[in-house]
């Protein structure tokens, strides 16, 4: 499972069994094993419009289904929560997971 930072400051979360190749694809190129040459435009649609990208975080799993589960979990997180993970501040994750609800306000009776 990996997190990329895009040129517009947003994060992209994905999973792969070959991180180096996948990051190169997101960057807009990949190595063709048959010809040993770089090919273009195999990155995700999201990152293709926000290049250059930078790998800012990754976790390794022995099974791809575990990485995919973690990817889906992190994808649902806020920007601030992902940033805490990236910056190595796991103690902030529980407080960033809490939703802040508006206080109970009297309803207006405008009809």
PDB file of N, CA and C in Angstrom:
ATOM      1  N   UNK A   1       0.862  -1.159   0.000  1.00  0.00           N
ATOM      2  CA  UNK A   1       0.000   0.000   0.000  1.00  0.00           C
ATOM      3  C   UNK A   1       0.909   1.223   0.000  1.00  0.00           C
ATOM      4  N   UNK A   2       0.558   2.199  -0.824  1.00  0.00           N
ATOM      5  CA  UNK A   2       1.415   3.375  -0.941  1.00  0.00           C
ATOM      6  C   UNK A   2       0.574   4.639  -1.020  1.00  0.00           C
ATOM      7  N   UNK A   3       1.211   5.759  -0.678  1.00  0.00           N
ATOM      8  CA  UNK A   3       0.588   7.070  -0.812  1.00  0.00           C
ATOM      9  C   UNK A   3       1.538   7.943  -1.629  1.00  0.00           C
ATOM     10  N   UNK A   4       0.964   8.594  -2.647  1.00  0.00           N
ATOM     11  CA  UNK A   4       1.710   9.537  -3.464  1.00  0.00           C
ATOM     12  C   UNK A   4       1.217  10.941  -3.158  1.00  0.00           C
ATOM     13  N   UNK A   5       2.121  11.894  -3.184  1.00  0.00           N
ATOM     14  CA  UNK A   5       1.726  13.294  -3.108  1.00  0.00           C
ATOM     15  C   UNK A   5       1.776  13.849  -4.520  1.00  0.00           C
ATOM     16  N   UNK A   6       0.684  14.447  -4.943  1.00  0.00           N
ATOM     17  CA  UNK A   6       0.589  15.006  -6.288  1.00  0.00           C
ATOM     18  C   UNK A   6       1.028  16.466  -6.291  1.00  0.00           C
ATOM     19  N   UNK A   7       1.261  17.000  -7.482  1.00  0.00           N
ATOM     20  CA  UNK A   7       1.758  18.366  -7.610  1.00  0.00           C
ATOM     21  C   UNK A   7       0.792  19.402  -7.053  1.00  0.00           C
ATOM     22  N   UNK A   8      -0.504  19.046  -6.947  1.00  0.00           N
ATOM     23  CA  UNK A   8      -1.479  20.001  -6.392  1.00  0.00           C
ATOM     24  C   UNK A   8      -1.660  19.836  -4.877  1.00  0.00           C
ATOM     25  N   UNK A   9      -0.820  18.990  -4.251  1.00  0.00           N
ATOM     26  CA  UNK A   9      -0.867  18.814  -2.806  1.00  0.00           C
ATOM     27  C   UNK A   9      -1.823  17.732  -2.341  1.00  0.00           C
ATOM     28  N   UNK A  10      -2.562  17.111  -3.254  1.00  0.00           N
ATOM     29  CA  UNK A  10      -3.473  16.031  -2.870  1.00  0.00           C
ATOM     30  C   UNK A  10      -2.701  14.726  -2.754  1.00  0.00           C
ATOM     31  N   UNK A  11      -3.327  13.754  -2.113  1.00  0.00           N
ATOM     32  CA  UNK A  11      -2.723  12.439  -1.954  1.00  0.00           C
ATOM     33  C   UNK A  11      -3.483  11.409  -2.778  1.00  0.00           C
ATOM     34  N   UNK A  12      -2.740  10.462  -3.324  1.00  0.00           N
ATOM     35  CA  UNK A  12      -3.314   9.318  -4.039  1.00  0.00           C
ATOM     36  C   UNK A  12      -2.863   8.080  -3.293  1.00  0.00           C
ATOM     37  N   UNK A  13      -3.801   7.188  -2.982  1.00  0.00           N
ATOM     38  CA  UNK A  13      -3.493   5.959  -2.268  1.00  0.00           C
ATOM     39  C   UNK A  13      -3.755   4.771  -3.176  1.00  0.00           C
ATOM     40  N   UNK A  14      -2.811   3.839  -3.225  1.00  0.00           N
ATOM     41  CA  UNK A  14      -2.962   2.659  -4.067  1.00  0.00           C
ATOM     42  C   UNK A  14      -2.259   1.462  -3.460  1.00  0.00           C
ATOM     43  N   UNK A  15      -2.352   0.342  -4.159  1.00  0.00           N
ATOM     44  CA  UNK A  15      -1.626  -0.857  -3.735  1.00  0.00           C
ATOM     45  C   UNK A  15      -1.086  -1.554  -4.975  1.00  0.00           C
ATOM     46  N   UNK A  16       0.007  -2.257  -4.812  1.00  0.00           N
ATOM     47  CA  UNK A  16       0.673  -2.917  -5.935  1.00  0.00           C
ATOM     48  C   UNK A  16       1.591  -4.006  -5.405  1.00  0.00           C
ATOM     49  N   UNK A  17       2.005  -4.895  -6.295  1.00  0.00           N
ATOM     50  CA  UNK A  17       3.008  -5.886  -5.910  1.00  0.00           C
ATOM     51  C   UNK A  17       4.387  -5.507  -6.457  1.00  0.00           C
ATOM     52  N   UNK A  18       4.492  -4.338  -7.109  1.00  0.00           N
ATOM     53  CA  UNK A  18       5.769  -3.845  -7.614  1.00  0.00           C
ATOM     54  C   UNK A  18       5.764  -2.320  -7.502  1.00  0.00           C
ATOM     55  N   UNK A  19       6.204  -1.831  -6.367  1.00  0.00           N
ATOM     56  CA  UNK A  19       6.110  -0.402  -6.059  1.00  0.00           C
ATOM     57  C   UNK A  19       6.907   0.462  -7.035  1.00  0.00           C
ATOM     58  N   UNK A  20       8.125   0.078  -7.317  1.00  0.00           N
ATOM     59  CA  UNK A  20       8.973   0.873  -8.209  1.00  0.00           C
ATOM     60  C   UNK A  20       8.324   1.024  -9.587  1.00  0.00           C
ATOM     61  N   UNK A  21       7.841  -0.070 -10.137  1.00  0.00           N
ATOM     62  CA  UNK A  21       7.189  -0.016 -11.447  1.00  0.00           C
ATOM     63  C   UNK A  21       5.931   0.852 -11.411  1.00  0.00           C
ATOM     64  N   UNK A  22       5.130   0.678 -10.349  1.00  0.00           N
ATOM     65  CA  UNK A  22       3.858   1.401 -10.277  1.00  0.00           C
ATOM     66  C   UNK A  22       4.077   2.904 -10.122  1.00  0.00           C
ATOM     67  N   UNK A  23       5.061   3.307  -9.329  1.00  0.00           N
ATOM     68  CA  UNK A  23       5.358   4.735  -9.174  1.00  0.00           C
ATOM     69  C   UNK A  23       5.812   5.307 -10.519  1.00  0.00           C
ATOM     70  N   UNK A  24       6.633   4.567 -11.249  1.00  0.00           N
ATOM     71  CA  UNK A  24       7.061   5.022 -12.580  1.00  0.00           C
ATOM     72  C   UNK A  24       5.863   5.172 -13.501  1.00  0.00           C
ATOM     73  N   UNK A  25       4.901   4.270 -13.422  1.00  0.00           N
ATOM     74  CA  UNK A  25       3.691   4.373 -14.236  1.00  0.00           C
ATOM     75  C   UNK A  25       2.894   5.621 -13.871  1.00  0.00           C
ATOM     76  N   UNK A  26       2.761   5.885 -12.574  1.00  0.00           N
ATOM     77  CA  UNK A  26       2.061   7.097 -12.135  1.00  0.00           C
ATOM     78  C   UNK A  26       2.784   8.342 -12.630  1.00  0.00           C
ATOM     79  N   UNK A  27       4.096   8.273 -12.682  1.00  0.00           N
ATOM     80  CA  UNK A  27       4.887   9.417 -13.124  1.00  0.00           C
ATOM     81  C   UNK A  27       4.769   9.611 -14.638  1.00  0.00           C
ATOM     82  N   UNK A  28       4.234   8.587 -15.301  1.00  0.00           N
ATOM     83  CA  UNK A  28       4.000   8.720 -16.735  1.00  0.00           C
ATOM     84  C   UNK A  28       4.887   7.856 -17.589  1.00  0.00           C
ATOM     85  N   UNK A  29       5.614   6.948 -16.961  1.00  0.00           N
ATOM     86  CA  UNK A  29       6.455   6.064 -17.753  1.00  0.00           C
ATOM     87  C   UNK A  29       6.612   4.727 -17.044  1.00  0.00           C
ATOM     88  N   UNK A  30       6.972   3.739 -17.811  1.00  0.00           N
ATOM     89  CA  UNK A  30       7.302   2.438 -17.249  1.00  0.00           C
ATOM     90  C   UNK A  30       8.315   1.769 -18.161  1.00  0.00           C
ATOM     91  N   UNK A  31       9.014   0.815 -17.625  1.00  0.00           N
ATOM     92  CA  UNK A  31      10.053   0.127 -18.381  1.00  0.00           C
ATOM     93  C   UNK A  31       9.453  -1.056 -19.117  1.00  0.00           C
ATOM     94  N   UNK A  32       9.627  -1.080 -20.432  1.00  0.00           N
ATOM     95  CA  UNK A  32       9.210  -2.222 -21.245  1.00  0.00           C
ATOM     96  C   UNK A  32      10.314  -3.267 -21.145  1.00  0.00           C
ATOM     97  N   UNK A  33      10.017  -4.404 -20.503  1.00  0.00           N
ATOM     98  CA  UNK A  33      11.041  -5.429 -20.275  1.00  0.00           C
ATOM     99  C   UNK A  33      11.593  -5.992 -21.573  1.00  0.00           C
ATOM    100  N   UNK A  34      10.772  -6.084 -22.607  1.00  0.00           N
ATOM    101  CA  UNK A  34      11.213  -6.660 -23.876  1.00  0.00           C
ATOM    102  C   UNK A  34      12.253  -5.792 -24.566  1.00  0.00           C
ATOM    103  N   UNK A  35      12.068  -4.475 -24.492  1.00  0.00           N
ATOM    104  CA  UNK A  35      12.978  -3.567 -25.213  1.00  0.00           C
ATOM    105  C   UNK A  35      13.869  -2.750 -24.290  1.00  0.00           C
ATOM    106  N   UNK A  36      13.636  -2.838 -22.974  1.00  0.00           N
ATOM    107  CA  UNK A  36      14.373  -2.050 -21.979  1.00  0.00           C
ATOM    108  C   UNK A  36      14.269  -0.553 -22.240  1.00  0.00           C
ATOM    109  N   UNK A  37      13.122  -0.122 -22.782  1.00  0.00           N
ATOM    110  CA  UNK A  37      12.918   1.298 -23.030  1.00  0.00           C
ATOM    111  C   UNK A  37      11.741   1.799 -22.211  1.00  0.00           C
ATOM    112  N   UNK A  38      11.728   3.107 -21.968  1.00  0.00           N
ATOM    113  CA  UNK A  38      10.654   3.701 -21.195  1.00  0.00           C
ATOM    114  C   UNK A  38       9.446   3.980 -22.093  1.00  0.00           C
ATOM    115  N   UNK A  39       8.274   3.586 -21.622  1.00  0.00           N
ATOM    116  CA  UNK A  39       7.021   3.854 -22.317  1.00  0.00           C
ATOM    117  C   UNK A  39       6.220   4.831 -21.479  1.00  0.00           C
ATOM    118  N   UNK A  40       5.287   5.534 -22.104  1.00  0.00           N
ATOM    119  CA  UNK A  40       4.550   6.587 -21.407  1.00  0.00           C
ATOM    120  C   UNK A  40       3.086   6.243 -21.169  1.00  0.00           C
ATOM    121  N   UNK A  41       2.486   7.041 -20.246  1.00  0.00           N
ATOM    122  CA  UNK A  41       1.041   7.121 -20.019  1.00  0.00           C
ATOM    123  C   UNK A  41       0.363   5.847 -19.565  1.00  0.00           C
ATOM    124  N   UNK A  42       0.895   5.215 -18.519  1.00  0.00           N
ATOM    125  CA  UNK A  42       0.206   4.079 -17.922  1.00  0.00           C
ATOM    126  C   UNK A  42      -0.199   4.368 -16.487  1.00  0.00           C
ATOM    127  N   UNK A  43      -0.084   5.605 -16.050  1.00  0.00           N
ATOM    128  CA  UNK A  43      -0.451   5.958 -14.687  1.00  0.00           C
ATOM    129  C   UNK A  43      -1.951   6.024 -14.507  1.00  0.00           C
ATOM    130  N   UNK A  44      -2.377   6.148 -13.279  1.00  0.00           N
ATOM    131  CA  UNK A  44      -3.797   6.285 -12.980  1.00  0.00           C
ATOM    132  C   UNK A  44      -4.311   7.608 -13.553  1.00  0.00           C
ATOM    133  N   UNK A  45      -5.575   7.635 -13.867  1.00  0.00           N
ATOM    134  CA  UNK A  45      -6.196   8.842 -14.407  1.00  0.00           C
ATOM    135  C   UNK A  45      -6.010  10.024 -13.451  1.00  0.00           C
ATOM    136  N   UNK A  46      -6.176   9.776 -12.160  1.00  0.00           N
ATOM    137  CA  UNK A  46      -6.064  10.849 -11.163  1.00  0.00           C
ATOM    138  C   UNK A  46      -4.674  11.464 -11.171  1.00  0.00           C
ATOM    139  N   UNK A  47      -3.637  10.635 -11.094  1.00  0.00           N
ATOM    140  CA  UNK A  47      -2.275  11.169 -11.009  1.00  0.00           C
ATOM    141  C   UNK A  47      -1.777  11.686 -12.348  1.00  0.00           C
ATOM    142  N   UNK A  48      -2.317  11.181 -13.439  1.00  0.00           N
ATOM    143  CA  UNK A  48      -1.896  11.631 -14.758  1.00  0.00           C
ATOM    144  C   UNK A  48      -2.133  13.108 -14.962  1.00  0.00           C
ATOM    145  N   UNK A  49      -3.114  13.654 -14.270  1.00  0.00           N
ATOM    146  CA  UNK A  49      -3.446  15.074 -14.397  1.00  0.00           C
ATOM    147  C   UNK A  49      -2.765  15.923 -13.330  1.00  0.00           C
ATOM    148  N   UNK A  50      -1.998  15.289 -12.450  1.00  0.00           N
ATOM    149  CA  UNK A  50      -1.420  16.004 -11.306  1.00  0.00           C
ATOM    150  C   UNK A  50       0.080  15.730 -11.151  1.00  0.00           C
ATOM    151  N   UNK A  51       0.748  15.487 -12.246  1.00  0.00           N
ATOM    152  CA  UNK A  51       2.186  15.218 -12.215  1.00  0.00           C
ATOM    153  C   UNK A  51       2.959  16.518 -12.069  1.00  0.00           C
ATOM    154  N   UNK A  52       4.145  16.451 -11.512  1.00  0.00           N
ATOM    155  CA  UNK A  52       4.824  15.251 -11.045  1.00  0.00           C
ATOM    156  C   UNK A  52       4.278  14.782  -9.699  1.00  0.00           C
ATOM    157  N   UNK A  53       4.476  13.516  -9.434  1.00  0.00           N
ATOM    158  CA  UNK A  53       4.057  12.921  -8.167  1.00  0.00           C
ATOM    159  C   UNK A  53       5.307  12.512  -7.390  1.00  0.00           C
ATOM    160  N   UNK A  54       5.108  12.293  -6.078  1.00  0.00           N
ATOM    161  CA  UNK A  54       6.230  11.876  -5.229  1.00  0.00           C
ATOM    162  C   UNK A  54       5.725  10.802  -4.269  1.00  0.00           C
ATOM    163  N   UNK A  55       6.458   9.716  -4.158  1.00  0.00           N
ATOM    164  CA  UNK A  55       6.133   8.682  -3.185  1.00  0.00           C
ATOM    165  C   UNK A  55       6.453   9.221  -1.800  1.00  0.00           C
ATOM    166  N   UNK A  56       5.448   9.288  -0.912  1.00  0.00           N
ATOM    167  CA  UNK A  56       5.679   9.851   0.418  1.00  0.00           C
ATOM    168  C   UNK A  56       5.483   8.825   1.535  1.00  0.00           C
ATOM    169  N   UNK A  57       4.896   7.664   1.213  1.00  0.00           N
ATOM    170  CA  UNK A  57       4.651   6.675   2.263  1.00  0.00           C
ATOM    171  C   UNK A  57       4.352   5.329   1.620  1.00  0.00           C
ATOM    172  N   UNK A  58       4.784   4.251   2.275  1.00  0.00           N
ATOM    173  CA  UNK A  58       4.365   2.925   1.848  1.00  0.00           C
ATOM    174  C   UNK A  58       4.435   1.950   3.011  1.00  0.00           C
ATOM    175  N   UNK A  59       3.631   0.907   2.912  1.00  0.00           N
ATOM    176  CA  UNK A  59       3.625  -0.213   3.852  1.00  0.00           C
ATOM    177  C   UNK A  59       3.718  -1.488   3.027  1.00  0.00           C
ATOM    178  N   UNK A  60       4.427  -2.482   3.551  1.00  0.00           N
ATOM    179  CA  UNK A  60       4.563  -3.758   2.849  1.00  0.00           C
ATOM    180  C   UNK A  60       3.725  -4.824   3.539  1.00  0.00           C
ATOM    181  N   UNK A  61       3.097  -5.658   2.726  1.00  0.00           N
ATOM    182  CA  UNK A  61       2.274  -6.765   3.209  1.00  0.00           C
ATOM    183  C   UNK A  61       2.681  -8.024   2.477  1.00  0.00           C
ATOM    184  N   UNK A  62       2.527  -9.157   3.131  1.00  0.00           N
ATOM    185  CA  UNK A  62       2.885 -10.421   2.486  1.00  0.00           C
ATOM    186  C   UNK A  62       1.805 -10.887   1.515  1.00  0.00           C
ATOM    187  N   UNK A  63       0.598 -10.369   1.673  1.00  0.00           N
ATOM    188  CA  UNK A  63      -0.509 -10.751   0.784  1.00  0.00           C
ATOM    189  C   UNK A  63      -1.142  -9.503   0.180  1.00  0.00           C
ATOM    190  N   UNK A  64      -1.440  -9.561  -1.123  1.00  0.00           N
ATOM    191  CA  UNK A  64      -2.005  -8.405  -1.812  1.00  0.00           C
ATOM    192  C   UNK A  64      -3.387  -8.053  -1.285  1.00  0.00           C
ATOM    193  N   UNK A  65      -4.156  -9.037  -0.808  1.00  0.00           N
ATOM    194  CA  UNK A  65      -5.490  -8.722  -0.281  1.00  0.00           C
ATOM    195  C   UNK A  65      -5.393  -7.876   0.988  1.00  0.00           C
ATOM    196  N   UNK A  66      -4.349  -8.088   1.781  1.00  0.00           N
ATOM    197  CA  UNK A  66      -4.149  -7.263   2.974  1.00  0.00           C
ATOM    198  C   UNK A  66      -3.790  -5.826   2.575  1.00  0.00           C
ATOM    199  N   UNK A  67      -2.943  -5.692   1.560  1.00  0.00           N
ATOM    200  CA  UNK A  67      -2.572  -4.360   1.077  1.00  0.00           C
ATOM    201  C   UNK A  67      -3.788  -3.651   0.493  1.00  0.00           C
ATOM    202  N   UNK A  68      -4.617  -4.392  -0.246  1.00  0.00           N
ATOM    203  CA  UNK A  68      -5.813  -3.804  -0.849  1.00  0.00           C
ATOM    204  C   UNK A  68      -6.792  -3.360   0.233  1.00  0.00           C
ATOM    205  N   UNK A  69      -6.947  -4.157   1.290  1.00  0.00           N
ATOM    206  CA  UNK A  69      -7.819  -3.780   2.404  1.00  0.00           C
ATOM    207  C   UNK A  69      -7.324  -2.484   3.053  1.00  0.00           C
ATOM    208  N   UNK A  70      -6.015  -2.409   3.292  1.00  0.00           N
ATOM    209  CA  UNK A  70      -5.432  -1.218   3.907  1.00  0.00           C
ATOM    210  C   UNK A  70      -5.580  -0.006   2.980  1.00  0.00           C
ATOM    211  N   UNK A  71      -5.390  -0.224   1.676  1.00  0.00           N
ATOM    212  CA  UNK A  71      -5.578   0.863   0.706  1.00  0.00           C
ATOM    213  C   UNK A  71      -6.977   1.458   0.831  1.00  0.00           C
ATOM    214  N   UNK A  72      -7.989   0.593   0.860  1.00  0.00           N
ATOM    215  CA  UNK A  72      -9.372   1.067   0.939  1.00  0.00           C
ATOM    216  C   UNK A  72      -9.624   1.791   2.259  1.00  0.00           C
ATOM    217  N   UNK A  73      -9.004   1.322   3.336  1.00  0.00           N
ATOM    218  CA  UNK A  73      -9.147   1.975   4.631  1.00  0.00           C
ATOM    219  C   UNK A  73      -8.576   3.388   4.576  1.00  0.00           C
ATOM    220  N   UNK A  74      -7.354   3.518   4.102  1.00  0.00           N
ATOM    221  CA  UNK A  74      -6.671   4.815   4.079  1.00  0.00           C
ATOM    222  C   UNK A  74      -7.317   5.762   3.068  1.00  0.00           C
ATOM    223  N   UNK A  75      -7.846   5.243   1.978  1.00  0.00           N
ATOM    224  CA  UNK A  75      -8.515   6.090   0.987  1.00  0.00           C
ATOM    225  C   UNK A  75      -9.672   6.867   1.601  1.00  0.00           C
ATOM    226  N   UNK A  76     -10.301   6.305   2.611  1.00  0.00           N
ATOM    227  CA  UNK A  76     -11.426   6.971   3.249  1.00  0.00           C
ATOM    228  C   UNK A  76     -11.035   8.031   4.267  1.00  0.00           C
ATOM    229  N   UNK A  77      -9.757   8.166   4.525  1.00  0.00           N
ATOM    230  CA  UNK A  77      -9.286   9.116   5.523  1.00  0.00           C
ATOM    231  C   UNK A  77      -9.216  10.537   4.965  1.00  0.00           C
ATOM    232  N   UNK A  78      -9.263  11.489   5.884  1.00  0.00           N
ATOM    233  CA  UNK A  78      -9.106  12.899   5.519  1.00  0.00           C
ATOM    234  C   UNK A  78      -7.645  13.174   5.148  1.00  0.00           C
ATOM    235  N   UNK A  79      -7.435  14.310   4.524  1.00  0.00           N
ATOM    236  CA  UNK A  79      -6.077  14.745   4.173  1.00  0.00           C
ATOM    237  C   UNK A  79      -5.209  14.854   5.428  1.00  0.00           C
ATOM    238  N   UNK A  80      -5.774  15.426   6.498  1.00  0.00           N
ATOM    239  CA  UNK A  80      -5.020  15.603   7.745  1.00  0.00           C
ATOM    240  C   UNK A  80      -4.626  14.258   8.362  1.00  0.00           C
ATOM    241  N   UNK A  81      -5.521  13.293   8.305  1.00  0.00           N
ATOM    242  CA  UNK A  81      -5.224  11.989   8.886  1.00  0.00           C
ATOM    243  C   UNK A  81      -4.143  11.275   8.075  1.00  0.00           C
ATOM    244  N   UNK A  82      -4.214  11.363   6.748  1.00  0.00           N
ATOM    245  CA  UNK A  82      -3.163  10.777   5.906  1.00  0.00           C
ATOM    246  C   UNK A  82      -1.826  11.451   6.187  1.00  0.00           C
ATOM    247  N   UNK A  83      -1.839  12.756   6.376  1.00  0.00           N
ATOM    248  CA  UNK A  83      -0.618  13.493   6.658  1.00  0.00           C
ATOM    249  C   UNK A  83       0.013  13.034   7.975  1.00  0.00           C
ATOM    250  N   UNK A  84      -0.805  12.781   8.984  1.00  0.00           N
ATOM    251  CA  UNK A  84      -0.284  12.278  10.264  1.00  0.00           C
ATOM    252  C   UNK A  84       0.382  10.915  10.070  1.00  0.00           C
ATOM    253  N   UNK A  85      -0.212  10.063   9.249  1.00  0.00           N
ATOM    254  CA  UNK A  85       0.379   8.752   8.956  1.00  0.00           C
ATOM    255  C   UNK A  85       1.719   8.940   8.252  1.00  0.00           C
ATOM    256  N   UNK A  86       1.741   9.771   7.247  1.00  0.00           N
ATOM    257  CA  UNK A  86       2.952  10.030   6.471  1.00  0.00           C
ATOM    258  C   UNK A  86       4.062  10.597   7.356  1.00  0.00           C
ATOM    259  N   UNK A  87       3.698  11.488   8.260  1.00  0.00           N
ATOM    260  CA  UNK A  87       4.682  12.140   9.131  1.00  0.00           C
ATOM    261  C   UNK A  87       5.079  11.285  10.330  1.00  0.00           C
ATOM    262  N   UNK A  88       4.548  10.063  10.423  1.00  0.00           N
ATOM    263  CA  UNK A  88       4.919   9.174  11.516  1.00  0.00           C
ATOM    264  C   UNK A  88       4.372   9.604  12.861  1.00  0.00           C
ATOM    265  N   UNK A  89       3.140  10.112  12.865  1.00  0.00           N
ATOM    266  CA  UNK A  89       2.502  10.564  14.101  1.00  0.00           C
ATOM    267  C   UNK A  89       1.237   9.747  14.376  1.00  0.00           C
ATOM    268  N   UNK A  90       1.401   8.461  14.655  1.00  0.00           N
ATOM    269  CA  UNK A  90       0.230   7.593  14.844  1.00  0.00           C
ATOM    270  C   UNK A  90      -0.625   7.982  16.043  1.00  0.00           C
ATOM    271  N   UNK A  91      -0.045   8.701  16.994  1.00  0.00           N
ATOM    272  CA  UNK A  91      -0.814   9.118  18.160  1.00  0.00           C
ATOM    273  C   UNK A  91      -1.926  10.105  17.796  1.00  0.00           C
ATOM    274  N   UNK A  92      -1.811  10.762  16.647  1.00  0.00           N
ATOM    275  CA  UNK A  92      -2.834  11.716  16.204  1.00  0.00           C
ATOM    276  C   UNK A  92      -4.008  11.050  15.480  1.00  0.00           C
ATOM    277  N   UNK A  93      -3.813   9.814  15.036  1.00  0.00           N
ATOM    278  CA  UNK A  93      -4.839   9.161  14.216  1.00  0.00           C
ATOM    279  C   UNK A  93      -6.189   9.028  14.915  1.00  0.00           C
ATOM    280  N   UNK A  94      -6.249   8.609  16.181  1.00  0.00           N
ATOM    281  CA  UNK A  94      -7.576   8.476  16.819  1.00  0.00           C
ATOM    282  C   UNK A  94      -8.338   9.796  16.891  1.00  0.00           C
ATOM    283  N   UNK A  95      -7.665  10.876  17.238  1.00  0.00           N
ATOM    284  CA  UNK A  95      -8.380  12.147  17.345  1.00  0.00           C
ATOM    285  C   UNK A  95      -8.787  12.669  15.971  1.00  0.00           C
ATOM    286  N   UNK A  96      -8.012  12.366  14.932  1.00  0.00           N
ATOM    287  CA  UNK A  96      -8.363  12.804  13.583  1.00  0.00           C
ATOM    288  C   UNK A  96      -9.475  11.955  12.979  1.00  0.00           C
ATOM    289  N   UNK A  97      -9.747  10.819  13.601  1.00  0.00           N
ATOM    290  CA  UNK A  97     -10.812   9.939  13.111  1.00  0.00           C
ATOM    291  C   UNK A  97     -12.179  10.379  13.602  1.00  0.00           C
ATOM    292  N   UNK A  98     -12.199  11.204  14.620  1.00  0.00           N
ATOM    293  CA  UNK A  98     -13.481  11.613  15.204  1.00  0.00           C
ATOM    294  C   UNK A  98     -14.148  12.671  14.343  1.00  0.00           C
ATOM    295  N   UNK A  99     -15.409  12.457  14.079  1.00  0.00           N
ATOM    296  CA  UNK A  99     -16.181  13.434  13.314  1.00  0.00           C
ATOM    297  C   UNK A  99     -16.615  14.558  14.235  1.00  0.00           C
ATOM    298  N   UNK A 100     -16.592  15.751  13.707  1.00  0.00           N
ATOM    299  CA  UNK A 100     -17.039  16.918  14.462  1.00  0.00           C
ATOM    300  C   UNK A 100     -18.410  17.296  13.924  1.00  0.00           C
ATOM    301  N   UNK A 101     -19.377  17.243  14.794  1.00  0.00           N
ATOM    302  CA  UNK A 101     -20.738  17.570  14.401  1.00  0.00           C
ATOM    303  C   UNK A 101     -21.083  18.970  14.886  1.00  0.00           C
ATOM    304  N   UNK A 102     -21.909  19.633  14.123  1.00  0.00           N
ATOM    305  CA  UNK A 102     -22.370  20.968  14.523  1.00  0.00           C
ATOM    306  C   UNK A 102     -23.165  20.831  15.813  1.00  0.00           C
ATOM    307  N   UNK A 103     -23.054  21.826  16.659  1.00  0.00           N
ATOM    308  CA  UNK A 103     -23.813  21.794  17.903  1.00  0.00           C
ATOM    309  C   UNK A 103     -25.292  21.928  17.588  1.00  0.00           C
ATOM    310  N   UNK A 104     -26.097  21.450  18.485  1.00  0.00           N
ATOM    311  CA  UNK A 104     -27.543  21.546  18.258  1.00  0.00           C
ATOM    312  C   UNK A 104     -27.944  23.012  18.242  1.00  0.00           C
ATOM    313  N   UNK A 105     -28.511  23.396  17.136  1.00  0.00           N
ATOM    314  CA  UNK A 105     -28.967  24.765  16.969  1.00  0.00           C
ATOM    315  C   UNK A 105     -30.483  24.745  16.796  1.00  0.00           C
ATOM    316  N   UNK A 106     -31.150  25.760  17.296  1.00  0.00           N
ATOM    317  CA  UNK A 106     -32.594  25.813  17.081  1.00  0.00           C
ATOM    318  C   UNK A 106     -32.883  25.906  15.584  1.00  0.00           C
ATOM    319  N   UNK A 107     -33.891  25.172  15.159  1.00  0.00           N
ATOM    320  CA  UNK A 107     -34.285  25.228  13.758  1.00  0.00           C
ATOM    321  C   UNK A 107     -35.119  26.465  13.492  1.00  0.00           C
ATOM    322  N   UNK A 108     -34.919  27.025  12.337  1.00  0.00           N
ATOM    323  CA  UNK A 108     -35.763  28.163  11.973  1.00  0.00           C
ATOM    324  C   UNK A 108     -37.091  27.633  11.443  1.00  0.00           C
ATOM    325  N   UNK A 109     -38.117  28.358  11.656  1.00  0.00           N
ATOM    326  CA  UNK A 109     -39.440  27.933  11.215  1.00  0.00           C
ATOM    327  C   UNK A 109     -39.851  28.610   9.910  1.00  0.00           C
ATOM    328  N   UNK A 110     -38.878  28.899   9.077  1.00  0.00           N
ATOM    329  CA  UNK A 110     -39.217  29.542   7.804  1.00  0.00           C
ATOM    330  C   UNK A 110     -39.758  28.503   6.834  1.00  0.00           C
ATOM    331  N   UNK A 111     -40.937  28.774   6.333  1.00  0.00           N
ATOM    332  CA  UNK A 111     -41.580  27.852   5.384  1.00  0.00           C
ATOM    333  C   UNK A 111     -41.998  28.562   4.160  1.00  0.00           C
TER     334      UNK A 111
END
